Amino acid sequence: MKKILLTAVAVFTLAFVNAQDSGFAKGDIFVSGSFGYDSQSTGDIKNNSFEFTPRVGFFVSDNIAVGARLGYQTSKQEAPFTEDFKTNTINAGAFGRYYFTPSNKFSVFGEFGLEYASSKQEQGANELKVNGFGLNVGPGISYFLSDHFALEAFWGALGYATAKPDVDGAESTDAFTFGVNLDDINLGLVYKF
């Protein structure tokens, strides 16, 4: 029993000491990103989508990181007797994060993001362009697997977005969201330089 207790204390101590070696500090630069692929089929109707969003961040202090992101999303719906419906979206944005325990292997952060999006929808010869911007706030976590690689999860809990078609007299669409389900969680991989 004494050996098991001493072994458990030694493992915990090494894990704690090792946890202090990983994490973020002032001056660190990181790149991360998320991607997703979705394919659905109902009868003869098929929907496919792909999304890729790389980001880069810089720690201006031990707890605060600022950065930029660029995203691309494409989707296509195929249905019999109609032209394919395609949507391509490009977005660019900036974000700020506050890490509560940045020098630890496991850290919780809060993020505020602002982005601009431009979308083009096509169906046969018809084309519609939509532009807009959005704000979001949410919590996230990061867990270092090694000194340079970490897994990251961000929950886009609270957001506002507005979009307006590039057509004379078109009304804008405004959306306020409060995400409380797992669809609002984005997973990614982080590399720290």
N, C-alpha and C. Protein backbone atom coordinates (compact mmCIF):
# COMPACT_ATOMS: atom_id res chain seq x y z
N MET A 1 0.82 -1.19 0.00
CA MET A 1 0.00 0.00 0.00
C MET A 1 0.87 1.25 0.00
N LYS A 2 1.96 1.21 0.78
CA LYS A 2 2.85 2.35 0.87
C LYS A 2 3.51 2.62 -0.48
N LYS A 3 3.88 1.53 -1.22
CA LYS A 3 4.51 1.68 -2.54
C LYS A 3 3.52 2.31 -3.53
N ILE A 4 2.27 1.90 -3.48
CA ILE A 4 1.26 2.45 -4.39
C ILE A 4 1.06 3.94 -4.10
N LEU A 5 0.99 4.30 -2.82
CA LEU A 5 0.81 5.70 -2.44
C LEU A 5 2.01 6.54 -2.88
N LEU A 6 3.24 6.04 -2.65
CA LEU A 6 4.43 6.78 -3.06
C LEU A 6 4.51 6.90 -4.58
N THR A 7 4.12 5.85 -5.30
CA THR A 7 4.11 5.89 -6.76
C THR A 7 3.09 6.92 -7.26
N ALA A 8 1.92 6.94 -6.67
CA ALA A 8 0.89 7.92 -7.06
C ALA A 8 1.37 9.34 -6.80
N VAL A 9 2.01 9.58 -5.66
CA VAL A 9 2.53 10.92 -5.34
C VAL A 9 3.63 11.31 -6.34
N ALA A 10 4.51 10.37 -6.68
CA ALA A 10 5.58 10.65 -7.64
C ALA A 10 5.02 10.98 -9.03
N VAL A 11 4.04 10.20 -9.48
CA VAL A 11 3.43 10.46 -10.79
C VAL A 11 2.74 11.82 -10.79
N PHE A 12 1.99 12.14 -9.75
CA PHE A 12 1.31 13.43 -9.65
C PHE A 12 2.32 14.57 -9.65
N THR A 13 3.42 14.43 -8.89
CA THR A 13 4.44 15.48 -8.82
C THR A 13 5.10 15.68 -10.19
N LEU A 14 5.45 14.60 -10.88
CA LEU A 14 6.06 14.72 -12.21
C LEU A 14 5.09 15.34 -13.20
N ALA A 15 3.84 14.96 -13.12
CA ALA A 15 2.84 15.54 -14.02
C ALA A 15 2.69 17.03 -13.76
N PHE A 16 2.69 17.43 -12.48
CA PHE A 16 2.54 18.84 -12.15
C PHE A 16 3.77 19.63 -12.61
N VAL A 17 4.97 19.10 -12.37
CA VAL A 17 6.18 19.78 -12.81
C VAL A 17 6.21 19.87 -14.32
N ASN A 18 5.85 18.79 -15.01
CA ASN A 18 5.81 18.78 -16.47
C ASN A 18 4.77 19.76 -16.98
N ALA A 19 3.66 19.90 -16.28
CA ALA A 19 2.61 20.83 -16.71
C ALA A 19 3.11 22.26 -16.69
N GLN A 20 4.04 22.58 -15.81
CA GLN A 20 4.56 23.94 -15.75
C GLN A 20 5.49 24.24 -16.93
N ASP A 21 6.04 23.20 -17.58
CA ASP A 21 6.93 23.40 -18.71
C ASP A 21 6.16 23.73 -19.99
N SER A 22 4.96 23.28 -20.11
CA SER A 22 4.15 23.54 -21.29
C SER A 22 3.34 24.80 -21.07
N GLY A 23 2.60 25.16 -22.07
CA GLY A 23 1.72 26.32 -21.94
C GLY A 23 2.25 27.51 -22.72
N PHE A 24 1.62 28.66 -22.49
CA PHE A 24 1.93 29.87 -23.21
C PHE A 24 2.59 30.90 -22.30
N ALA A 25 3.36 31.81 -22.90
CA ALA A 25 3.98 32.91 -22.17
C ALA A 25 4.07 34.11 -23.11
N LYS A 26 4.36 35.28 -22.55
CA LYS A 26 4.48 36.51 -23.34
C LYS A 26 5.51 36.30 -24.46
N GLY A 27 5.13 36.74 -25.68
CA GLY A 27 6.01 36.62 -26.83
C GLY A 27 5.81 35.36 -27.66
N ASP A 28 5.03 34.40 -27.15
CA ASP A 28 4.77 33.17 -27.91
C ASP A 28 3.88 33.47 -29.12
N ILE A 29 4.12 32.76 -30.18
CA ILE A 29 3.30 32.82 -31.39
C ILE A 29 2.71 31.44 -31.59
N PHE A 30 1.44 31.38 -31.97
CA PHE A 30 0.82 30.10 -32.24
C PHE A 30 0.00 30.15 -33.52
N VAL A 31 -0.10 29.00 -34.16
CA VAL A 31 -0.99 28.84 -35.30
C VAL A 31 -1.95 27.71 -34.94
N SER A 32 -3.16 27.87 -35.37
CA SER A 32 -4.15 26.83 -35.11
C SER A 32 -5.13 26.84 -36.26
N GLY A 33 -6.06 25.98 -36.18
CA GLY A 33 -7.07 25.94 -37.22
C GLY A 33 -8.08 24.87 -36.94
N SER A 34 -9.15 24.98 -37.65
CA SER A 34 -10.16 23.94 -37.56
C SER A 34 -10.66 23.67 -38.96
N PHE A 35 -11.14 22.47 -39.16
CA PHE A 35 -11.72 22.12 -40.44
C PHE A 35 -12.85 21.16 -40.21
N GLY A 36 -13.73 21.11 -41.18
CA GLY A 36 -14.85 20.20 -41.06
C GLY A 36 -15.35 19.78 -42.43
N TYR A 37 -15.87 18.60 -42.48
CA TYR A 37 -16.48 18.07 -43.69
C TYR A 37 -17.79 17.42 -43.29
N ASP A 38 -18.83 17.69 -44.05
CA ASP A 38 -20.14 17.15 -43.74
C ASP A 38 -20.76 16.65 -45.03
N SER A 39 -21.32 15.47 -44.99
CA SER A 39 -22.00 14.90 -46.16
C SER A 39 -23.30 14.27 -45.68
N GLN A 40 -24.41 14.72 -46.28
CA GLN A 40 -25.72 14.20 -45.91
C GLN A 40 -26.46 13.79 -47.17
N SER A 41 -27.31 12.80 -47.02
CA SER A 41 -28.09 12.32 -48.15
C SER A 41 -29.47 11.92 -47.65
N THR A 42 -30.50 12.44 -48.34
CA THR A 42 -31.88 12.07 -48.06
C THR A 42 -32.52 11.73 -49.40
N GLY A 43 -32.74 10.46 -49.64
CA GLY A 43 -33.26 10.05 -50.94
C GLY A 43 -32.27 10.44 -52.03
N ASP A 44 -32.73 11.21 -53.02
CA ASP A 44 -31.87 11.66 -54.11
C ASP A 44 -31.22 13.01 -53.84
N ILE A 45 -31.48 13.61 -52.70
CA ILE A 45 -30.92 14.92 -52.37
C ILE A 45 -29.63 14.72 -51.58
N LYS A 46 -28.56 15.36 -52.07
CA LYS A 46 -27.25 15.24 -51.42
C LYS A 46 -26.74 16.62 -51.04
N ASN A 47 -26.20 16.72 -49.83
CA ASN A 47 -25.58 17.96 -49.34
C ASN A 47 -24.16 17.65 -48.91
N ASN A 48 -23.20 18.41 -49.42
CA ASN A 48 -21.80 18.29 -49.02
C ASN A 48 -21.28 19.66 -48.65
N SER A 49 -20.49 19.73 -47.58
CA SER A 49 -19.87 21.00 -47.20
C SER A 49 -18.47 20.74 -46.63
N PHE A 50 -17.62 21.73 -46.82
CA PHE A 50 -16.25 21.68 -46.33
C PHE A 50 -15.90 23.06 -45.77
N GLU A 51 -15.19 23.07 -44.65
CA GLU A 51 -14.79 24.33 -44.01
C GLU A 51 -13.36 24.23 -43.51
N PHE A 52 -12.57 25.28 -43.72
CA PHE A 52 -11.19 25.34 -43.24
C PHE A 52 -10.94 26.75 -42.72
N THR A 53 -10.46 26.85 -41.47
CA THR A 53 -10.26 28.15 -40.84
C THR A 53 -8.93 28.18 -40.09
N PRO A 54 -7.84 28.61 -40.74
CA PRO A 54 -6.57 28.77 -40.02
C PRO A 54 -6.54 30.09 -39.27
N ARG A 55 -5.74 30.14 -38.19
CA ARG A 55 -5.59 31.36 -37.41
C ARG A 55 -4.18 31.44 -36.85
N VAL A 56 -3.75 32.66 -36.56
CA VAL A 56 -2.44 32.89 -35.96
C VAL A 56 -2.63 33.87 -34.81
N GLY A 57 -1.89 33.65 -33.72
CA GLY A 57 -2.02 34.51 -32.55
C GLY A 57 -0.68 34.83 -31.94
N PHE A 58 -0.64 35.92 -31.20
CA PHE A 58 0.59 36.39 -30.55
C PHE A 58 0.25 36.81 -29.12
N PHE A 59 1.05 36.36 -28.17
CA PHE A 59 0.84 36.71 -26.77
C PHE A 59 1.50 38.06 -26.46
N VAL A 60 0.68 39.09 -26.24
CA VAL A 60 1.19 40.42 -25.91
C VAL A 60 1.52 40.53 -24.43
N SER A 61 0.99 39.64 -23.63
CA SER A 61 1.35 39.52 -22.21
C SER A 61 1.21 38.03 -21.86
N ASP A 62 1.47 37.69 -20.61
CA ASP A 62 1.36 36.29 -20.23
C ASP A 62 -0.06 35.75 -20.35
N ASN A 63 -1.07 36.59 -20.23
CA ASN A 63 -2.45 36.13 -20.25
C ASN A 63 -3.24 36.54 -21.49
N ILE A 64 -2.76 37.51 -22.26
CA ILE A 64 -3.55 38.05 -23.38
C ILE A 64 -2.89 37.74 -24.72
N ALA A 65 -3.71 37.17 -25.61
CA ALA A 65 -3.26 36.89 -26.98
C ALA A 65 -4.19 37.61 -27.95
N VAL A 66 -3.62 38.13 -29.03
CA VAL A 66 -4.39 38.74 -30.11
C VAL A 66 -4.02 38.03 -31.39
N GLY A 67 -4.94 38.01 -32.34
CA GLY A 67 -4.63 37.31 -33.57
C GLY A 67 -5.60 37.59 -34.69
N ALA A 68 -5.36 36.88 -35.79
CA ALA A 68 -6.19 37.02 -36.99
C ALA A 68 -6.53 35.64 -37.51
N ARG A 69 -7.65 35.58 -38.25
CA ARG A 69 -8.07 34.32 -38.83
C ARG A 69 -8.60 34.56 -40.23
N LEU A 70 -8.54 33.52 -41.04
CA LEU A 70 -9.05 33.56 -42.40
C LEU A 70 -9.79 32.25 -42.62
N GLY A 71 -10.98 32.31 -43.15
CA GLY A 71 -11.76 31.08 -43.31
C GLY A 71 -12.33 30.93 -44.70
N TYR A 72 -12.55 29.68 -45.07
CA TYR A 72 -13.18 29.36 -46.35
C TYR A 72 -14.18 28.23 -46.12
N GLN A 73 -15.37 28.41 -46.67
CA GLN A 73 -16.40 27.38 -46.55
C GLN A 73 -17.08 27.23 -47.91
N THR A 74 -17.31 25.99 -48.29
CA THR A 74 -18.03 25.72 -49.53
C THR A 74 -19.07 24.65 -49.27
N SER A 75 -20.21 24.77 -49.92
CA SER A 75 -21.25 23.76 -49.79
C SER A 75 -21.94 23.59 -51.14
N LYS A 76 -22.49 22.41 -51.33
CA LYS A 76 -23.17 22.09 -52.59
C LYS A 76 -24.35 21.18 -52.29
N GLN A 77 -25.50 21.54 -52.86
CA GLN A 77 -26.69 20.71 -52.72
C GLN A 77 -27.08 20.21 -54.11
N GLU A 78 -27.20 18.90 -54.22
CA GLU A 78 -27.60 18.28 -55.48
C GLU A 78 -28.98 17.65 -55.30
N ALA A 79 -29.89 17.97 -56.21
CA ALA A 79 -31.24 17.42 -56.16
C ALA A 79 -31.69 17.13 -57.59
N PRO A 80 -32.48 16.09 -57.76
CA PRO A 80 -32.95 15.78 -59.12
C PRO A 80 -33.90 16.87 -59.64
N PHE A 81 -33.86 17.08 -60.92
CA PHE A 81 -34.75 18.02 -61.63
C PHE A 81 -34.47 19.49 -61.33
N THR A 82 -33.40 19.81 -60.61
CA THR A 82 -33.03 21.21 -60.37
C THR A 82 -31.53 21.37 -60.55
N GLU A 83 -31.12 22.60 -60.78
CA GLU A 83 -29.70 22.92 -60.86
C GLU A 83 -29.08 22.78 -59.46
N ASP A 84 -27.79 22.42 -59.42
CA ASP A 84 -27.08 22.36 -58.15
C ASP A 84 -27.04 23.74 -57.51
N PHE A 85 -27.17 23.77 -56.18
CA PHE A 85 -27.09 25.02 -55.43
C PHE A 85 -25.74 25.04 -54.71
N LYS A 86 -24.89 26.02 -55.05
CA LYS A 86 -23.54 26.11 -54.49
C LYS A 86 -23.38 27.40 -53.71
N THR A 87 -22.66 27.32 -52.60
CA THR A 87 -22.35 28.49 -51.80
C THR A 87 -20.86 28.47 -51.44
N ASN A 88 -20.18 29.57 -51.69
CA ASN A 88 -18.78 29.74 -51.30
C ASN A 88 -18.68 30.98 -50.42
N THR A 89 -18.03 30.82 -49.28
CA THR A 89 -17.91 31.92 -48.32
C THR A 89 -16.45 32.09 -47.91
N ILE A 90 -16.00 33.34 -47.91
CA ILE A 90 -14.67 33.68 -47.41
C ILE A 90 -14.88 34.66 -46.27
N ASN A 91 -14.19 34.43 -45.14
CA ASN A 91 -14.29 35.38 -44.04
C ASN A 91 -12.91 35.68 -43.48
N ALA A 92 -12.76 36.86 -42.93
CA ALA A 92 -11.52 37.30 -42.31
C ALA A 92 -11.88 37.99 -41.00
N GLY A 93 -11.06 37.80 -40.00
CA GLY A 93 -11.40 38.41 -38.72
C GLY A 93 -10.22 38.55 -37.78
N ALA A 94 -10.49 39.16 -36.66
CA ALA A 94 -9.52 39.34 -35.59
C ALA A 94 -10.12 38.81 -34.30
N PHE A 95 -9.26 38.41 -33.39
CA PHE A 95 -9.74 37.90 -32.10
C PHE A 95 -8.79 38.30 -30.99
N GLY A 96 -9.32 38.32 -29.79
CA GLY A 96 -8.54 38.53 -28.58
C GLY A 96 -8.92 37.47 -27.57
N ARG A 97 -7.93 36.98 -26.86
CA ARG A 97 -8.17 35.94 -25.86
C ARG A 97 -7.54 36.31 -24.53
N TYR A 98 -8.21 35.90 -23.47
CA TYR A 98 -7.65 36.01 -22.13
C TYR A 98 -7.52 34.59 -21.57
N TYR A 99 -6.28 34.16 -21.29
CA TYR A 99 -6.01 32.84 -20.73
C TYR A 99 -5.92 32.96 -19.21
N PHE A 100 -6.70 32.15 -18.52
CA PHE A 100 -6.71 32.21 -17.06
C PHE A 100 -5.50 31.53 -16.45
N THR A 101 -4.99 30.46 -17.07
CA THR A 101 -3.80 29.76 -16.59
C THR A 101 -2.91 29.46 -17.80
N PRO A 102 -2.27 30.48 -18.40
CA PRO A 102 -1.56 30.28 -19.66
C PRO A 102 -0.31 29.41 -19.57
N SER A 103 0.35 29.37 -18.43
CA SER A 103 1.60 28.62 -18.34
C SER A 103 1.39 27.15 -17.97
N ASN A 104 0.15 26.73 -17.83
CA ASN A 104 -0.14 25.34 -17.48
C ASN A 104 -0.41 24.50 -18.73
N LYS A 105 -0.31 23.22 -18.56
CA LYS A 105 -0.59 22.28 -19.65
C LYS A 105 -2.06 22.37 -20.07
N PHE A 106 -2.93 22.60 -19.12
CA PHE A 106 -4.37 22.73 -19.37
C PHE A 106 -4.78 24.15 -19.02
N SER A 107 -5.42 24.85 -19.95
CA SER A 107 -5.79 26.23 -19.69
C SER A 107 -7.19 26.54 -20.22
N VAL A 108 -7.89 27.39 -19.51
CA VAL A 108 -9.21 27.88 -19.91
C VAL A 108 -9.03 29.31 -20.40
N PHE A 109 -9.74 29.65 -21.49
CA PHE A 109 -9.65 31.02 -22.00
C PHE A 109 -11.02 31.53 -22.41
N GLY A 110 -11.13 32.84 -22.51
CA GLY A 110 -12.30 33.50 -23.05
C GLY A 110 -11.87 34.21 -24.32
N GLU A 111 -12.72 34.19 -25.34
CA GLU A 111 -12.36 34.79 -26.62
C GLU A 111 -13.45 35.75 -27.10
N PHE A 112 -13.01 36.87 -27.65
CA PHE A 112 -13.89 37.82 -28.33
C PHE A 112 -13.41 37.90 -29.77
N GLY A 113 -14.32 37.73 -30.72
CA GLY A 113 -13.94 37.76 -32.12
C GLY A 113 -14.82 38.67 -32.95
N LEU A 114 -14.25 39.22 -33.99
CA LEU A 114 -14.94 40.08 -34.94
C LEU A 114 -14.54 39.60 -36.33
N GLU A 115 -15.53 39.45 -37.24
CA GLU A 115 -15.18 38.98 -38.57
C GLU A 115 -16.05 39.61 -39.65
N TYR A 116 -15.50 39.64 -40.85
CA TYR A 116 -16.20 40.09 -42.05
C TYR A 116 -16.36 38.87 -42.95
N ALA A 117 -17.51 38.71 -43.58
CA ALA A 117 -17.75 37.56 -44.45
C ALA A 117 -18.33 38.01 -45.78
N SER A 118 -17.91 37.34 -46.83
CA SER A 118 -18.43 37.58 -48.17
C SER A 118 -18.80 36.23 -48.77
N SER A 119 -20.02 36.13 -49.26
CA SER A 119 -20.53 34.86 -49.74
C SER A 119 -21.09 35.01 -51.15
N LYS A 120 -20.95 33.95 -51.94
CA LYS A 120 -21.54 33.92 -53.28
C LYS A 120 -22.36 32.64 -53.42
N GLN A 121 -23.64 32.81 -53.78
CA GLN A 121 -24.54 31.68 -53.95
C GLN A 121 -24.87 31.56 -55.44
N GLU A 122 -24.80 30.33 -55.95
CA GLU A 122 -25.06 30.10 -57.37
C GLU A 122 -26.03 28.94 -57.55
N GLN A 123 -26.96 29.12 -58.47
CA GLN A 123 -27.84 28.04 -58.89
C GLN A 123 -28.10 28.25 -60.38
N GLY A 124 -27.46 27.41 -61.18
CA GLY A 124 -27.54 27.59 -62.63
C GLY A 124 -26.92 28.92 -63.01
N ALA A 125 -27.66 29.74 -63.77
CA ALA A 125 -27.18 31.06 -64.19
C ALA A 125 -27.43 32.13 -63.14
N ASN A 126 -28.19 31.83 -62.10
CA ASN A 126 -28.50 32.81 -61.05
C ASN A 126 -27.35 32.88 -60.04
N GLU A 127 -27.04 34.12 -59.65
CA GLU A 127 -25.96 34.35 -58.71
C GLU A 127 -26.35 35.45 -57.73
N LEU A 128 -26.02 35.26 -56.46
CA LEU A 128 -26.32 36.26 -55.44
C LEU A 128 -25.10 36.40 -54.54
N LYS A 129 -24.69 37.65 -54.30
CA LYS A 129 -23.58 37.93 -53.39
C LYS A 129 -24.14 38.52 -52.10
N VAL A 130 -23.58 38.07 -50.97
CA VAL A 130 -24.01 38.51 -49.65
C VAL A 130 -22.78 38.91 -48.85
N ASN A 131 -22.82 40.07 -48.21
CA ASN A 131 -21.73 40.54 -47.36
C ASN A 131 -22.26 40.80 -45.96
N GLY A 132 -21.40 40.61 -44.97
CA GLY A 132 -21.84 40.86 -43.60
C GLY A 132 -20.69 40.81 -42.62
N PHE A 133 -21.02 41.01 -41.36
CA PHE A 133 -20.02 40.91 -40.30
C PHE A 133 -20.65 40.24 -39.08
N GLY A 134 -19.79 39.81 -38.19
CA GLY A 134 -20.28 39.15 -36.99
C GLY A 134 -19.37 39.37 -35.80
N LEU A 135 -19.93 39.20 -34.62
CA LEU A 135 -19.21 39.27 -33.34
C LEU A 135 -19.54 38.00 -32.57
N ASN A 136 -18.57 37.47 -31.85
CA ASN A 136 -18.89 36.34 -30.98
C ASN A 136 -18.00 36.36 -29.74
N VAL A 137 -18.54 35.80 -28.67
CA VAL A 137 -17.85 35.70 -27.40
C VAL A 137 -18.10 34.29 -26.88
N GLY A 138 -17.05 33.68 -26.35
CA GLY A 138 -17.25 32.35 -25.81
C GLY A 138 -16.04 31.84 -25.07
N PRO A 139 -16.22 30.76 -24.33
CA PRO A 139 -15.11 30.13 -23.61
C PRO A 139 -14.43 29.07 -24.46
N GLY A 140 -13.23 28.74 -24.05
CA GLY A 140 -12.49 27.67 -24.72
C GLY A 140 -11.50 27.04 -23.76
N ILE A 141 -10.94 25.93 -24.20
CA ILE A 141 -9.91 25.24 -23.42
C ILE A 141 -8.80 24.80 -24.36
N SER A 142 -7.60 24.72 -23.82
CA SER A 142 -6.49 24.15 -24.57
C SER A 142 -5.76 23.17 -23.65
N TYR A 143 -5.26 22.11 -24.27
CA TYR A 143 -4.53 21.09 -23.52
C TYR A 143 -3.28 20.73 -24.31
N PHE A 144 -2.10 20.94 -23.72
CA PHE A 144 -0.84 20.66 -24.40
C PHE A 144 -0.53 19.18 -24.37
N LEU A 145 -0.31 18.62 -25.56
CA LEU A 145 0.10 17.23 -25.70
C LEU A 145 1.62 17.11 -25.58
N SER A 146 2.33 18.18 -25.98
CA SER A 146 3.79 18.27 -25.88
C SER A 146 4.13 19.74 -25.69
N ASP A 147 5.41 20.08 -25.77
CA ASP A 147 5.81 21.47 -25.59
C ASP A 147 5.29 22.38 -26.70
N HIS A 148 5.02 21.81 -27.88
CA HIS A 148 4.61 22.63 -29.02
C HIS A 148 3.19 22.37 -29.53
N PHE A 149 2.62 21.23 -29.26
CA PHE A 149 1.30 20.89 -29.79
C PHE A 149 0.25 20.85 -28.68
N ALA A 150 -0.92 21.44 -28.99
CA ALA A 150 -2.04 21.43 -28.05
C ALA A 150 -3.34 21.18 -28.80
N LEU A 151 -4.27 20.56 -28.12
CA LEU A 151 -5.63 20.44 -28.63
C LEU A 151 -6.43 21.61 -28.10
N GLU A 152 -7.38 22.09 -28.90
CA GLU A 152 -8.15 23.25 -28.50
C GLU A 152 -9.63 23.02 -28.80
N ALA A 153 -10.47 23.50 -27.91
CA ALA A 153 -11.92 23.46 -28.13
C ALA A 153 -12.47 24.84 -27.79
N PHE A 154 -13.30 25.37 -28.68
CA PHE A 154 -13.90 26.68 -28.47
C PHE A 154 -15.40 26.54 -28.64
N TRP A 155 -16.13 27.12 -27.71
CA TRP A 155 -17.58 27.07 -27.74
C TRP A 155 -18.11 28.46 -28.06
N GLY A 156 -18.62 28.67 -29.27
CA GLY A 156 -19.15 29.96 -29.69
C GLY A 156 -20.48 30.23 -29.02
N ALA A 157 -20.45 30.62 -27.77
CA ALA A 157 -21.66 30.67 -26.95
C ALA A 157 -22.58 31.84 -27.27
N LEU A 158 -22.04 33.00 -27.55
CA LEU A 158 -22.86 34.18 -27.73
C LEU A 158 -22.41 34.90 -28.99
N GLY A 159 -23.35 35.20 -29.90
CA GLY A 159 -22.94 35.83 -31.15
C GLY A 159 -24.00 36.72 -31.76
N TYR A 160 -23.54 37.61 -32.62
CA TYR A 160 -24.40 38.48 -33.39
C TYR A 160 -23.84 38.53 -34.80
N ALA A 161 -24.70 38.44 -35.79
CA ALA A 161 -24.27 38.51 -37.19
C ALA A 161 -25.31 39.27 -38.00
N THR A 162 -24.82 39.98 -38.99
CA THR A 162 -25.70 40.66 -39.92
C THR A 162 -25.19 40.42 -41.33
N ALA A 163 -26.10 40.23 -42.27
CA ALA A 163 -25.73 39.97 -43.66
C ALA A 163 -26.74 40.65 -44.56
N LYS A 164 -26.23 41.19 -45.68
CA LYS A 164 -27.10 41.88 -46.61
C LYS A 164 -26.76 41.47 -48.03
N PRO A 165 -27.75 41.03 -48.80
CA PRO A 165 -27.51 40.69 -50.21
C PRO A 165 -27.11 41.94 -51.00
N ASP A 166 -26.26 41.74 -51.99
CA ASP A 166 -25.79 42.83 -52.83
C ASP A 166 -26.78 43.10 -53.96
N VAL A 167 -28.01 43.49 -53.55
CA VAL A 167 -29.11 43.76 -54.48
C VAL A 167 -29.77 45.06 -54.04
N ASP A 168 -30.11 45.91 -54.98
CA ASP A 168 -30.77 47.17 -54.64
C ASP A 168 -32.07 46.92 -53.87
N GLY A 169 -32.24 47.62 -52.76
CA GLY A 169 -33.46 47.52 -51.98
C GLY A 169 -33.55 46.30 -51.07
N ALA A 170 -32.50 45.48 -51.03
CA ALA A 170 -32.53 44.26 -50.19
C ALA A 170 -32.41 44.63 -48.72
N GLU A 171 -33.10 43.88 -47.89
CA GLU A 171 -33.05 44.06 -46.43
C GLU A 171 -31.92 43.21 -45.85
N SER A 172 -31.34 43.67 -44.76
CA SER A 172 -30.32 42.88 -44.08
C SER A 172 -30.98 41.86 -43.16
N THR A 173 -30.28 40.78 -42.92
CA THR A 173 -30.72 39.75 -41.98
C THR A 173 -29.83 39.84 -40.76
N ASP A 174 -30.43 40.04 -39.60
CA ASP A 174 -29.70 40.15 -38.35
C ASP A 174 -30.02 38.93 -37.48
N ALA A 175 -28.98 38.37 -36.88
CA ALA A 175 -29.18 37.18 -36.05
C ALA A 175 -28.42 37.31 -34.74
N PHE A 176 -29.10 37.02 -33.66
CA PHE A 176 -28.49 36.95 -32.33
C PHE A 176 -28.57 35.51 -31.89
N THR A 177 -27.42 34.91 -31.52
CA THR A 177 -27.42 33.49 -31.16
C THR A 177 -26.86 33.28 -29.76
N PHE A 178 -27.42 32.32 -29.10
CA PHE A 178 -26.92 31.85 -27.82
C PHE A 178 -26.81 30.34 -27.96
N GLY A 179 -25.59 29.86 -28.25
CA GLY A 179 -25.39 28.44 -28.52
C GLY A 179 -25.28 27.62 -27.26
N VAL A 180 -26.15 26.66 -27.12
CA VAL A 180 -26.12 25.80 -25.94
C VAL A 180 -26.06 24.32 -26.32
N ASN A 181 -25.69 24.03 -27.57
CA ASN A 181 -25.59 22.62 -27.94
C ASN A 181 -24.21 22.30 -28.50
N LEU A 182 -23.92 21.06 -28.74
CA LEU A 182 -22.60 20.62 -29.17
C LEU A 182 -22.25 21.05 -30.59
N ASP A 183 -23.23 21.48 -31.39
CA ASP A 183 -22.93 21.96 -32.73
C ASP A 183 -22.13 23.25 -32.70
N ASP A 184 -22.13 23.96 -31.60
CA ASP A 184 -21.43 25.22 -31.48
C ASP A 184 -19.99 25.07 -30.98
N ILE A 185 -19.49 23.85 -30.84
CA ILE A 185 -18.13 23.60 -30.39
C ILE A 185 -17.23 23.37 -31.59
N ASN A 186 -16.13 24.12 -31.65
CA ASN A 186 -15.13 23.95 -32.70
C ASN A 186 -13.87 23.34 -32.09
N LEU A 187 -13.37 22.29 -32.70
CA LEU A 187 -12.15 21.63 -32.23
C LEU A 187 -11.02 21.97 -33.18
N GLY A 188 -9.81 22.09 -32.64
CA GLY A 188 -8.67 22.41 -33.48
C GLY A 188 -7.37 21.94 -32.87
N LEU A 189 -6.31 22.06 -33.65
CA LEU A 189 -4.96 21.70 -33.23
C LEU A 189 -4.14 22.99 -33.22
N VAL A 190 -3.32 23.18 -32.17
CA VAL A 190 -2.51 24.38 -32.01
C VAL A 190 -1.04 23.99 -32.08
N TYR A 191 -0.25 24.81 -32.81
CA TYR A 191 1.21 24.65 -32.79
C TYR A 191 1.81 25.93 -32.25
N LYS A 192 2.61 25.81 -31.18
CA LYS A 192 3.27 26.97 -30.56
C LYS A 192 4.72 27.02 -31.01
N PHE A 193 5.16 28.18 -31.50
CA PHE A 193 6.56 28.36 -31.92
C PHE A 193 7.44 28.65 -30.72
